[in-house]
Amino acid sequence: MGLTPRGIVSIMSNVDYVRFNEINPNDFLPLLNSEKIRKHLIEHKLFTIDTLTAWMNAKIAVDAISGCKVRGIFCDGELAGWCGIQLEEDKHEIAIIIDDKFWGLGKRVFQDMMYWAKEFEHNEVFIHFLHTRPGYKFLKKMAKDVYETELFHSKFTTYQLVVE
């Protein structure tokens, strides 16, 4: 599968980005209801199949917006998470949500998303990490600015990145 014994994704893993309308909501349910994932997201109720389907449809609508792209992340054929360039408060933001089993994949997904942002001709993108997340040195080094933001009644660390 491309995983090391500790669960870290190997460089040789095959990564595919799949449109949400091609993903079975039942595959997403355990991932998005995972306690480890929920710990670093805005607090919300556990998903049911109905609320998950509505959420997926909302992401499909975001994907249809010019300059946006939302995809499920598959690693060696297994759903590993999702990512997107979304429009939030008139700014393009990057979101990457990955199951802890696939940590190590994030940097690769981030690089692919920065490439997408360049293809869209975005000048800059933003990444918002809930205050529960540790700081990221590599992002801080490349960021034009790092600051605190409040979104949806939650505190975030925001990284403003120039797309090159």
N, C-alpha and C. Protein backbone atom coordinates (compact mmCIF):
# COMPACT_ATOMS: atom_id res chain seq x y z
N MET A 1 0.80 -1.20 0.00
CA MET A 1 0.00 0.00 0.00
C MET A 1 0.85 1.26 0.00
N GLY A 2 2.12 1.17 0.23
CA GLY A 2 2.93 2.38 0.27
C GLY A 2 3.05 2.98 1.66
N LEU A 3 2.57 2.26 2.70
CA LEU A 3 2.70 2.76 4.08
C LEU A 3 3.88 2.08 4.74
N THR A 4 4.59 2.81 5.57
CA THR A 4 5.67 2.23 6.35
C THR A 4 5.06 1.56 7.57
N PRO A 5 5.83 0.79 8.33
CA PRO A 5 5.26 0.13 9.52
C PRO A 5 4.60 1.09 10.50
N ARG A 6 5.04 2.34 10.60
CA ARG A 6 4.45 3.31 11.52
C ARG A 6 3.26 4.03 10.92
N GLY A 7 2.90 3.70 9.67
CA GLY A 7 1.73 4.32 9.05
C GLY A 7 2.06 5.56 8.23
N ILE A 8 3.31 5.96 8.17
CA ILE A 8 3.68 7.13 7.39
C ILE A 8 3.72 6.73 5.91
N VAL A 9 3.18 7.58 5.06
CA VAL A 9 3.10 7.29 3.64
C VAL A 9 4.49 7.37 3.03
N SER A 10 4.82 6.39 2.21
CA SER A 10 6.11 6.40 1.53
C SER A 10 6.05 7.30 0.30
N ILE A 11 7.19 7.73 -0.14
CA ILE A 11 7.29 8.61 -1.30
C ILE A 11 6.76 7.91 -2.55
N MET A 12 6.82 6.59 -2.57
CA MET A 12 6.42 5.83 -3.74
C MET A 12 4.90 5.64 -3.84
N SER A 13 4.14 6.14 -2.90
CA SER A 13 2.69 5.96 -2.90
C SER A 13 2.06 6.62 -4.13
N ASN A 14 1.01 5.99 -4.64
CA ASN A 14 0.26 6.54 -5.76
C ASN A 14 -0.87 7.41 -5.22
N VAL A 15 -0.89 8.68 -5.59
CA VAL A 15 -1.90 9.62 -5.11
C VAL A 15 -2.79 10.03 -6.27
N ASP A 16 -4.11 9.95 -6.03
CA ASP A 16 -5.09 10.37 -7.02
C ASP A 16 -6.04 11.37 -6.37
N TYR A 17 -6.46 12.37 -7.14
CA TYR A 17 -7.42 13.36 -6.69
C TYR A 17 -8.73 13.10 -7.43
N VAL A 18 -9.79 12.87 -6.66
CA VAL A 18 -11.06 12.41 -7.22
C VAL A 18 -12.16 13.41 -6.88
N ARG A 19 -13.01 13.71 -7.86
CA ARG A 19 -14.15 14.59 -7.63
C ARG A 19 -15.09 13.97 -6.60
N PHE A 20 -15.71 14.82 -5.80
CA PHE A 20 -16.59 14.33 -4.73
C PHE A 20 -17.76 13.51 -5.26
N ASN A 21 -18.26 13.84 -6.46
CA ASN A 21 -19.40 13.07 -6.98
C ASN A 21 -19.01 11.66 -7.41
N GLU A 22 -17.74 11.33 -7.34
CA GLU A 22 -17.26 9.99 -7.65
C GLU A 22 -16.90 9.19 -6.38
N ILE A 23 -17.18 9.77 -5.22
CA ILE A 23 -16.83 9.13 -3.95
C ILE A 23 -18.09 8.70 -3.22
N ASN A 24 -18.09 7.50 -2.71
CA ASN A 24 -19.21 6.98 -1.94
C ASN A 24 -19.21 7.67 -0.57
N PRO A 25 -20.31 8.32 -0.20
CA PRO A 25 -20.38 8.98 1.12
C PRO A 25 -20.06 8.03 2.28
N ASN A 26 -20.39 6.76 2.15
CA ASN A 26 -20.09 5.79 3.21
C ASN A 26 -18.59 5.64 3.45
N ASP A 27 -17.78 5.91 2.42
CA ASP A 27 -16.32 5.87 2.58
C ASP A 27 -15.81 7.08 3.35
N PHE A 28 -16.50 8.21 3.17
CA PHE A 28 -16.10 9.45 3.85
C PHE A 28 -16.50 9.47 5.33
N LEU A 29 -17.60 8.83 5.66
CA LEU A 29 -18.19 8.93 7.00
C LEU A 29 -17.20 8.63 8.12
N PRO A 30 -16.51 7.47 8.12
CA PRO A 30 -15.58 7.21 9.24
C PRO A 30 -14.40 8.18 9.28
N LEU A 31 -13.97 8.64 8.12
CA LEU A 31 -12.84 9.56 8.07
C LEU A 31 -13.23 10.90 8.70
N LEU A 32 -14.35 11.47 8.28
CA LEU A 32 -14.74 12.79 8.78
C LEU A 32 -15.27 12.76 10.21
N ASN A 33 -15.67 11.60 10.68
CA ASN A 33 -16.12 11.48 12.08
C ASN A 33 -15.00 11.01 13.01
N SER A 34 -13.82 10.82 12.47
CA SER A 34 -12.67 10.40 13.27
C SER A 34 -12.34 11.46 14.33
N GLU A 35 -12.15 11.01 15.55
CA GLU A 35 -11.84 11.94 16.65
C GLU A 35 -10.54 12.71 16.39
N LYS A 36 -9.55 12.04 15.80
CA LYS A 36 -8.27 12.71 15.53
C LYS A 36 -8.42 13.82 14.49
N ILE A 37 -9.29 13.63 13.53
CA ILE A 37 -9.52 14.68 12.54
C ILE A 37 -10.37 15.80 13.14
N ARG A 38 -11.43 15.44 13.85
CA ARG A 38 -12.34 16.43 14.44
C ARG A 38 -11.64 17.34 15.44
N LYS A 39 -10.59 16.83 16.07
CA LYS A 39 -9.86 17.60 17.09
C LYS A 39 -9.30 18.90 16.54
N HIS A 40 -8.99 18.92 15.25
CA HIS A 40 -8.36 20.10 14.65
C HIS A 40 -9.28 20.84 13.68
N LEU A 41 -10.58 20.56 13.76
CA LEU A 41 -11.55 21.25 12.91
C LEU A 41 -12.51 22.04 13.78
N ILE A 42 -13.26 22.93 13.15
CA ILE A 42 -14.29 23.66 13.87
C ILE A 42 -15.26 22.64 14.47
N GLU A 43 -15.65 22.89 15.72
CA GLU A 43 -16.54 21.96 16.40
C GLU A 43 -17.86 21.84 15.65
N HIS A 44 -18.28 20.61 15.43
CA HIS A 44 -19.56 20.35 14.77
C HIS A 44 -20.04 18.95 15.17
N LYS A 45 -21.31 18.71 14.99
CA LYS A 45 -21.88 17.40 15.32
C LYS A 45 -21.30 16.34 14.40
N LEU A 46 -21.32 15.09 14.88
CA LEU A 46 -20.91 13.98 14.03
C LEU A 46 -21.79 13.95 12.79
N PHE A 47 -21.19 13.58 11.68
CA PHE A 47 -21.94 13.47 10.44
C PHE A 47 -22.82 12.23 10.46
N THR A 48 -24.00 12.36 9.87
CA THR A 48 -24.84 11.22 9.52
C THR A 48 -24.70 11.09 8.00
N ILE A 49 -25.22 10.05 7.43
CA ILE A 49 -25.13 9.92 5.98
C ILE A 49 -25.84 11.09 5.29
N ASP A 50 -26.94 11.57 5.87
CA ASP A 50 -27.67 12.70 5.27
C ASP A 50 -26.89 14.00 5.37
N THR A 51 -26.32 14.31 6.55
CA THR A 51 -25.57 15.56 6.69
C THR A 51 -24.27 15.50 5.90
N LEU A 52 -23.69 14.31 5.80
CA LEU A 52 -22.46 14.15 5.01
C LEU A 52 -22.76 14.37 3.53
N THR A 53 -23.85 13.82 3.05
CA THR A 53 -24.23 14.00 1.65
C THR A 53 -24.47 15.48 1.35
N ALA A 54 -25.12 16.19 2.26
CA ALA A 54 -25.33 17.63 2.09
C ALA A 54 -24.00 18.37 2.06
N TRP A 55 -23.07 17.99 2.96
CA TRP A 55 -21.74 18.62 2.99
C TRP A 55 -21.00 18.36 1.69
N MET A 56 -21.06 17.11 1.22
CA MET A 56 -20.39 16.78 -0.04
C MET A 56 -20.98 17.58 -1.20
N ASN A 57 -22.30 17.73 -1.22
CA ASN A 57 -22.94 18.52 -2.28
C ASN A 57 -22.50 19.98 -2.22
N ALA A 58 -22.33 20.50 -1.01
CA ALA A 58 -21.84 21.87 -0.85
C ALA A 58 -20.43 22.00 -1.40
N LYS A 59 -19.59 21.00 -1.17
CA LYS A 59 -18.21 21.02 -1.70
C LYS A 59 -18.21 20.87 -3.22
N ILE A 60 -19.15 20.11 -3.76
CA ILE A 60 -19.28 19.99 -5.22
C ILE A 60 -19.63 21.35 -5.80
N ALA A 61 -20.49 22.10 -5.12
CA ALA A 61 -20.85 23.45 -5.56
C ALA A 61 -19.64 24.38 -5.51
N VAL A 62 -18.81 24.26 -4.47
CA VAL A 62 -17.59 25.07 -4.38
C VAL A 62 -16.66 24.74 -5.55
N ASP A 63 -16.55 23.45 -5.86
CA ASP A 63 -15.69 22.99 -6.95
C ASP A 63 -16.10 23.63 -8.28
N ALA A 64 -17.36 23.96 -8.43
CA ALA A 64 -17.87 24.56 -9.68
C ALA A 64 -17.55 26.05 -9.79
N ILE A 65 -17.08 26.67 -8.73
CA ILE A 65 -16.74 28.10 -8.74
C ILE A 65 -15.39 28.30 -9.43
N SER A 66 -15.33 29.27 -10.29
CA SER A 66 -14.07 29.58 -10.99
C SER A 66 -12.95 29.83 -9.98
N GLY A 67 -11.81 29.19 -10.19
CA GLY A 67 -10.66 29.38 -9.30
C GLY A 67 -10.65 28.46 -8.10
N CYS A 68 -11.66 27.59 -7.99
CA CYS A 68 -11.75 26.66 -6.86
C CYS A 68 -11.62 25.22 -7.36
N LYS A 69 -11.18 24.35 -6.48
CA LYS A 69 -11.03 22.94 -6.82
C LYS A 69 -11.09 22.15 -5.52
N VAL A 70 -12.02 21.20 -5.43
CA VAL A 70 -12.18 20.37 -4.24
C VAL A 70 -12.10 18.91 -4.67
N ARG A 71 -11.26 18.13 -4.00
CA ARG A 71 -11.06 16.74 -4.39
C ARG A 71 -10.88 15.84 -3.16
N GLY A 72 -11.29 14.60 -3.33
CA GLY A 72 -10.95 13.56 -2.38
C GLY A 72 -9.53 13.11 -2.70
N ILE A 73 -8.79 12.73 -1.67
CA ILE A 73 -7.42 12.27 -1.85
C ILE A 73 -7.41 10.76 -1.65
N PHE A 74 -6.98 10.04 -2.67
CA PHE A 74 -6.82 8.59 -2.57
C PHE A 74 -5.35 8.26 -2.63
N CYS A 75 -4.92 7.42 -1.72
CA CYS A 75 -3.53 6.97 -1.67
C CYS A 75 -3.54 5.46 -1.89
N ASP A 76 -2.95 5.04 -2.97
CA ASP A 76 -2.93 3.62 -3.33
C ASP A 76 -4.33 3.02 -3.28
N GLY A 77 -5.30 3.77 -3.77
CA GLY A 77 -6.68 3.30 -3.89
C GLY A 77 -7.54 3.46 -2.65
N GLU A 78 -6.98 3.96 -1.55
CA GLU A 78 -7.74 4.12 -0.31
C GLU A 78 -7.98 5.61 -0.04
N LEU A 79 -9.22 5.94 0.39
CA LEU A 79 -9.53 7.33 0.71
C LEU A 79 -8.69 7.79 1.90
N ALA A 80 -7.87 8.80 1.67
CA ALA A 80 -6.95 9.30 2.69
C ALA A 80 -7.42 10.63 3.28
N GLY A 81 -8.30 11.34 2.57
CA GLY A 81 -8.76 12.64 3.04
C GLY A 81 -9.34 13.44 1.90
N TRP A 82 -9.33 14.75 2.09
CA TRP A 82 -9.80 15.64 1.04
C TRP A 82 -8.99 16.93 1.08
N CYS A 83 -9.05 17.66 -0.02
CA CYS A 83 -8.34 18.94 -0.10
C CYS A 83 -9.12 19.86 -1.01
N GLY A 84 -8.83 21.13 -0.90
CA GLY A 84 -9.51 22.07 -1.77
C GLY A 84 -8.91 23.45 -1.76
N ILE A 85 -9.09 24.13 -2.86
CA ILE A 85 -8.89 25.57 -2.93
C ILE A 85 -10.31 26.12 -2.94
N GLN A 86 -10.65 26.84 -1.88
CA GLN A 86 -12.01 27.31 -1.68
C GLN A 86 -12.00 28.83 -1.56
N LEU A 87 -13.13 29.43 -1.82
CA LEU A 87 -13.27 30.87 -1.66
C LEU A 87 -13.93 31.13 -0.32
N GLU A 88 -13.20 31.80 0.57
CA GLU A 88 -13.70 32.10 1.91
C GLU A 88 -13.46 33.57 2.18
N GLU A 89 -14.53 34.32 2.40
CA GLU A 89 -14.44 35.76 2.63
C GLU A 89 -13.64 36.45 1.52
N ASP A 90 -13.94 36.12 0.28
CA ASP A 90 -13.33 36.69 -0.92
C ASP A 90 -11.83 36.42 -1.06
N LYS A 91 -11.34 35.41 -0.35
CA LYS A 91 -9.94 35.01 -0.46
C LYS A 91 -9.89 33.51 -0.75
N HIS A 92 -8.94 33.12 -1.56
CA HIS A 92 -8.77 31.69 -1.84
C HIS A 92 -7.97 31.05 -0.71
N GLU A 93 -8.56 30.03 -0.13
CA GLU A 93 -7.89 29.32 0.95
C GLU A 93 -7.64 27.89 0.53
N ILE A 94 -6.60 27.33 1.12
CA ILE A 94 -6.27 25.93 0.91
C ILE A 94 -6.72 25.16 2.15
N ALA A 95 -7.39 24.05 1.91
CA ALA A 95 -7.78 23.14 2.99
C ALA A 95 -7.22 21.76 2.66
N ILE A 96 -6.59 21.16 3.65
CA ILE A 96 -6.07 19.79 3.51
C ILE A 96 -6.44 19.04 4.78
N ILE A 97 -7.24 18.00 4.62
CA ILE A 97 -7.67 17.17 5.74
C ILE A 97 -7.25 15.74 5.40
N ILE A 98 -6.35 15.19 6.20
CA ILE A 98 -5.81 13.86 5.92
C ILE A 98 -5.91 12.99 7.16
N ASP A 99 -6.37 11.77 6.99
CA ASP A 99 -6.41 10.78 8.06
C ASP A 99 -4.98 10.58 8.60
N ASP A 100 -4.86 10.46 9.92
CA ASP A 100 -3.52 10.33 10.51
C ASP A 100 -2.76 9.12 9.97
N LYS A 101 -3.44 8.13 9.49
CA LYS A 101 -2.79 6.97 8.87
C LYS A 101 -1.95 7.39 7.67
N PHE A 102 -2.30 8.53 7.08
CA PHE A 102 -1.63 8.99 5.87
C PHE A 102 -0.80 10.24 6.08
N TRP A 103 -0.51 10.59 7.34
CA TRP A 103 0.36 11.74 7.58
C TRP A 103 1.68 11.49 6.87
N GLY A 104 2.23 12.50 6.37
CA GLY A 104 3.42 12.39 5.52
C GLY A 104 3.03 12.69 4.08
N LEU A 105 1.77 12.53 3.77
CA LEU A 105 1.25 12.82 2.45
C LEU A 105 0.96 14.32 2.28
N GLY A 106 0.80 15.02 3.40
CA GLY A 106 0.39 16.42 3.39
C GLY A 106 1.28 17.33 2.57
N LYS A 107 2.58 17.16 2.68
CA LYS A 107 3.50 18.03 1.94
C LYS A 107 3.31 17.86 0.44
N ARG A 108 3.16 16.63 0.01
CA ARG A 108 2.94 16.36 -1.41
C ARG A 108 1.62 16.98 -1.89
N VAL A 109 0.56 16.82 -1.10
CA VAL A 109 -0.73 17.40 -1.45
C VAL A 109 -0.62 18.92 -1.48
N PHE A 110 0.06 19.50 -0.50
CA PHE A 110 0.26 20.95 -0.47
C PHE A 110 0.96 21.43 -1.74
N GLN A 111 2.01 20.75 -2.15
CA GLN A 111 2.74 21.14 -3.36
C GLN A 111 1.83 21.07 -4.59
N ASP A 112 1.01 20.01 -4.67
CA ASP A 112 0.08 19.89 -5.79
C ASP A 112 -0.93 21.03 -5.78
N MET A 113 -1.40 21.39 -4.59
CA MET A 113 -2.39 22.46 -4.49
C MET A 113 -1.79 23.82 -4.84
N MET A 114 -0.55 24.04 -4.50
CA MET A 114 0.10 25.29 -4.88
C MET A 114 0.26 25.34 -6.41
N TYR A 115 0.48 24.18 -7.02
CA TYR A 115 0.53 24.12 -8.48
C TYR A 115 -0.84 24.46 -9.07
N TRP A 116 -1.92 23.91 -8.46
CA TRP A 116 -3.28 24.25 -8.92
C TRP A 116 -3.51 25.75 -8.79
N ALA A 117 -3.08 26.34 -7.68
CA ALA A 117 -3.27 27.78 -7.46
C ALA A 117 -2.54 28.58 -8.55
N LYS A 118 -1.38 28.10 -8.93
CA LYS A 118 -0.63 28.76 -10.01
C LYS A 118 -1.37 28.62 -11.33
N GLU A 119 -1.92 27.44 -11.60
CA GLU A 119 -2.71 27.25 -12.82
C GLU A 119 -3.92 28.18 -12.86
N PHE A 120 -4.52 28.42 -11.71
CA PHE A 120 -5.66 29.33 -11.62
C PHE A 120 -5.23 30.80 -11.67
N GLU A 121 -3.93 31.03 -11.64
CA GLU A 121 -3.35 32.38 -11.66
C GLU A 121 -3.71 33.17 -10.41
N HIS A 122 -3.80 32.47 -9.27
CA HIS A 122 -3.99 33.17 -8.00
C HIS A 122 -2.65 33.81 -7.61
N ASN A 123 -2.71 35.01 -7.09
CA ASN A 123 -1.50 35.68 -6.62
C ASN A 123 -1.10 35.20 -5.24
N GLU A 124 -2.11 34.88 -4.43
CA GLU A 124 -1.85 34.41 -3.09
C GLU A 124 -2.98 33.49 -2.64
N VAL A 125 -2.66 32.65 -1.66
CA VAL A 125 -3.65 31.78 -1.03
C VAL A 125 -3.42 31.83 0.47
N PHE A 126 -4.43 31.40 1.21
CA PHE A 126 -4.37 31.44 2.66
C PHE A 126 -4.62 30.04 3.21
N ILE A 127 -3.96 29.74 4.30
CA ILE A 127 -4.22 28.49 5.02
C ILE A 127 -4.57 28.88 6.44
N HIS A 128 -5.68 28.35 6.94
CA HIS A 128 -6.14 28.62 8.29
C HIS A 128 -6.05 27.34 9.11
N PHE A 129 -5.25 27.36 10.17
CA PHE A 129 -5.14 26.22 11.07
C PHE A 129 -5.78 26.58 12.40
N LEU A 130 -6.72 25.74 12.84
CA LEU A 130 -7.35 25.94 14.13
C LEU A 130 -6.28 26.06 15.21
N HIS A 131 -6.54 26.88 16.21
CA HIS A 131 -5.55 27.17 17.25
C HIS A 131 -5.03 25.91 17.95
N THR A 132 -5.72 24.79 17.82
CA THR A 132 -5.25 23.54 18.44
C THR A 132 -4.07 22.92 17.71
N ARG A 133 -3.80 23.39 16.50
CA ARG A 133 -2.71 22.82 15.69
C ARG A 133 -1.40 23.51 16.04
N PRO A 134 -0.31 22.77 15.99
CA PRO A 134 1.00 23.40 16.22
C PRO A 134 1.37 24.27 15.03
N GLY A 135 2.32 25.18 15.24
CA GLY A 135 2.82 26.00 14.13
C GLY A 135 3.63 25.16 13.16
N TYR A 136 3.71 25.61 11.94
CA TYR A 136 4.46 24.89 10.91
C TYR A 136 5.61 25.77 10.46
N LYS A 137 6.84 25.36 10.79
CA LYS A 137 8.02 26.16 10.48
C LYS A 137 8.18 26.38 8.98
N PHE A 138 7.95 25.32 8.18
CA PHE A 138 8.16 25.47 6.74
C PHE A 138 7.16 26.46 6.15
N LEU A 139 5.93 26.49 6.68
CA LEU A 139 4.94 27.46 6.20
C LEU A 139 5.30 28.87 6.65
N LYS A 140 5.76 28.99 7.89
CA LYS A 140 6.14 30.30 8.41
C LYS A 140 7.27 30.91 7.58
N LYS A 141 8.22 30.06 7.17
CA LYS A 141 9.35 30.54 6.36
C LYS A 141 8.90 31.05 5.01
N MET A 142 7.91 30.39 4.42
CA MET A 142 7.49 30.78 3.07
C MET A 142 6.35 31.79 3.07
N ALA A 143 5.76 32.06 4.24
CA ALA A 143 4.59 32.93 4.32
C ALA A 143 4.97 34.40 4.16
N LYS A 144 4.11 35.10 3.48
CA LYS A 144 4.23 36.56 3.38
C LYS A 144 3.86 37.17 4.73
N ASP A 145 2.89 36.53 5.42
CA ASP A 145 2.45 37.01 6.72
C ASP A 145 1.81 35.85 7.47
N VAL A 146 1.90 35.89 8.80
CA VAL A 146 1.25 34.91 9.68
C VAL A 146 0.55 35.71 10.76
N TYR A 147 -0.74 35.42 10.97
CA TYR A 147 -1.49 36.19 11.95
C TYR A 147 -2.67 35.38 12.45
N GLU A 148 -3.27 35.86 13.54
CA GLU A 148 -4.46 35.21 14.08
C GLU A 148 -5.70 35.73 13.39
N THR A 149 -6.64 34.82 13.17
CA THR A 149 -7.91 35.15 12.52
C THR A 149 -9.03 34.52 13.33
N GLU A 150 -10.20 35.14 13.28
CA GLU A 150 -11.38 34.50 13.84
C GLU A 150 -12.36 34.23 12.71
N LEU A 151 -12.69 32.95 12.53
CA LEU A 151 -13.66 32.52 11.53
C LEU A 151 -14.65 31.59 12.20
N PHE A 152 -15.91 31.77 11.91
CA PHE A 152 -16.94 30.87 12.44
C PHE A 152 -16.83 30.71 13.96
N HIS A 153 -16.52 31.81 14.65
CA HIS A 153 -16.43 31.85 16.11
C HIS A 153 -15.29 30.99 16.66
N SER A 154 -14.24 30.77 15.87
CA SER A 154 -13.08 30.00 16.30
C SER A 154 -11.81 30.76 15.94
N LYS A 155 -10.75 30.56 16.75
CA LYS A 155 -9.46 31.20 16.50
C LYS A 155 -8.60 30.32 15.59
N PHE A 156 -7.95 30.97 14.63
CA PHE A 156 -7.08 30.27 13.69
C PHE A 156 -5.75 31.00 13.59
N THR A 157 -4.72 30.26 13.24
CA THR A 157 -3.47 30.84 12.78
C THR A 157 -3.56 30.82 11.26
N THR A 158 -3.39 31.98 10.64
CA THR A 158 -3.52 32.12 9.19
C THR A 158 -2.16 32.39 8.58
N TYR A 159 -1.86 31.63 7.54
CA TYR A 159 -0.64 31.80 6.77
C TYR A 159 -1.03 32.37 5.41
N GLN A 160 -0.48 33.52 5.07
CA GLN A 160 -0.72 34.15 3.77
C GLN A 160 0.46 33.80 2.87
N LEU A 161 0.19 33.07 1.80
CA LEU A 161 1.24 32.56 0.94
C LEU A 161 1.17 33.18 -0.45
N VAL A 162 2.31 33.57 -0.98
CA VAL A 162 2.40 34.06 -2.35
C VAL A 162 2.51 32.85 -3.27
N VAL A 163 1.74 32.85 -4.34
CA VAL A 163 1.79 31.76 -5.31
C VAL A 163 2.85 32.12 -6.35
N GLU A 164 3.83 31.23 -6.48
CA GLU A 164 4.94 31.50 -7.43
C GLU A 164 4.95 30.47 -8.53
